[in-house]
Amino acid sequence: MPSLEHDFLSESALQIMENAAKSGLFSYQEGGRKLFDFSCDLKKDWSKIVSGQTLWKHDRDGIDKDIRTLLTQRDVAAAVYIARHSTQNKRRLAEVTGSYRDTPMRERLSRLRVFWVPADFDAKNANARDSAYETLRDEMTKDLLMQVALGGLTAQDVSRFAASGRPGYPLTILSYAKTQDYRSLSNTAKALGFSTQILKEEVQRLFVIGFLESDSLQGGIYRVSDSGNAMLDICSRLRDYLHGNLGEGNENKELEHICRLLGIDYSSIPSEVANTITQAELQNPTALLMQHVAQADMDESVEWPEPYFALPSG
């Protein structure tokens, strides 16, 4: 019989992912649990299944079974293990995962995400529940949702993207590569009305950041990466903020939380002045990013992605 702690942690994992989907950056649908303690499907223009097990009172064989179950599922994008923190559990987990490193399943180990919960966690204590939930929320958002739903996007990526001195250009290029197919420097420069030199410099920046991908190190034909698509989605939600229609009261707490983890504090910049940012404010990465969004919006040069809404429960 599962303990209160086991049930609380399993339900919390689903709640965290469902709430994060309210950001509009992806949609959420709870999946059939079958062999797992929790499972869901995160969707955008892809579908990525996240499944997990919760360890609270298992013995050595239980950890073995849990990890084997998680790693043998072929369609799982991320395998989550929420575990009671103890020296014995950590040692056993290291032994079990180590045993897979010399097997054909070693590549699947990269899907495994382990989140440790204090051994003295008591689900009957309201303060302990709140603390455990908040800690799990921050850790899962940083290590799971950023990697799976946002393509590995980091605060450094966002800062480097915003640092372009050509407001709106990086967004215009990403949007074009996503919707029109970037097949040559000259044709794209002509279509966008950019000089080939400027386009080449901006494309190289986007390629180095990882927002554009190519099968050739020399480039030529580019496509938008998962993190580049996530950047477009975030900027589209920031455009909603500029237009005052991000949500009720122009607020979206879930988006705000994700953005702050990425170094974006957009609520610190009033939407009505975001397109008239002063020179001093341009030292702020958030202000720089908002200027890119405002300029691209003014130029009507971007096909802005619509928010992703939750799917009805099946």
Foldseek 3Di string as FASTA:
>chain_A
DDDLVQLLVLVLVLVLVCLLLLLLLWAKEWDDQVVASGKIWTGDPDIAIETEHEEQPDDLVVLLVRVVVQLVDPRHQAYEYEYEDDPRVVVSNCVNLVVCCPDPSVVSVVRYDYHYQYNPQDSVDPVSSVVRSVVCSVVCLQPPCCVPSQVVAALVLLLLLLPDPPAQVLQLVQQCCAPPWQQALVVVCVVQVHDSVVSVVSVVSCVVSPQWDDPDPVPRTIHGHSNVVSLLQLLLLLVCLLVQNNDVRSDRVSSCVSVVRSVANSVVPRSPCLCVDDPVCSVRSNSSSSNNSVVNVVVVSHDRDGGYYYDDHD
